[in-house]
Amino acid sequence: MKRVARIVTPFVIASFTMGSMPAMAAPSAVVDGMVTTQEAMSADQASADRERIAELLSRDDVRNQLVAQGVDPAEVEQRVAALSDQEVQQMNERLDQMPAGASSVVGVLFAVFVILLVTDLLGLTNVFPFTN
């Protein structure tokens, strides 16, 4: 029996080694620079969310409200550009939940204020000096 095991064991080891080769040689999406469908879809969604926020911030009534609140609109645009995709998605979801009409401008400003305040408290930005 030991003699048979000595003969069979190298073949079993070789077969397991060869069997695992395709898994090791399989191309990785990260290595090849390929993007998965899910990543492409989320990138498109993030881009659409950023465009929507940029359109909203470019409105005159929003800019006037920002200036009235003492916030530089250009600085807000820079801060929004610095947000991660997840934060932009959250901001866009909040915009969807707000009522339409004249009161939405105040709601948008409040959402921008809250986001900037939270990022200040986390130490990511320095917009409001009272958070230091």
Foldseek 3Di string as FASTA:
>chain_A
DVVVCVVCVVVVVVVVVVVCVCVVPPDDCVVVVHDDPVRVVLVVVLVVLLVVVVVVLPDPVLCVVCVVVVHHSVVLNVVSVPDDSVVSVVLSVQLVPDDDDDCSSVVNVVSSVVVVVVCVLVVNDCRDVVSD
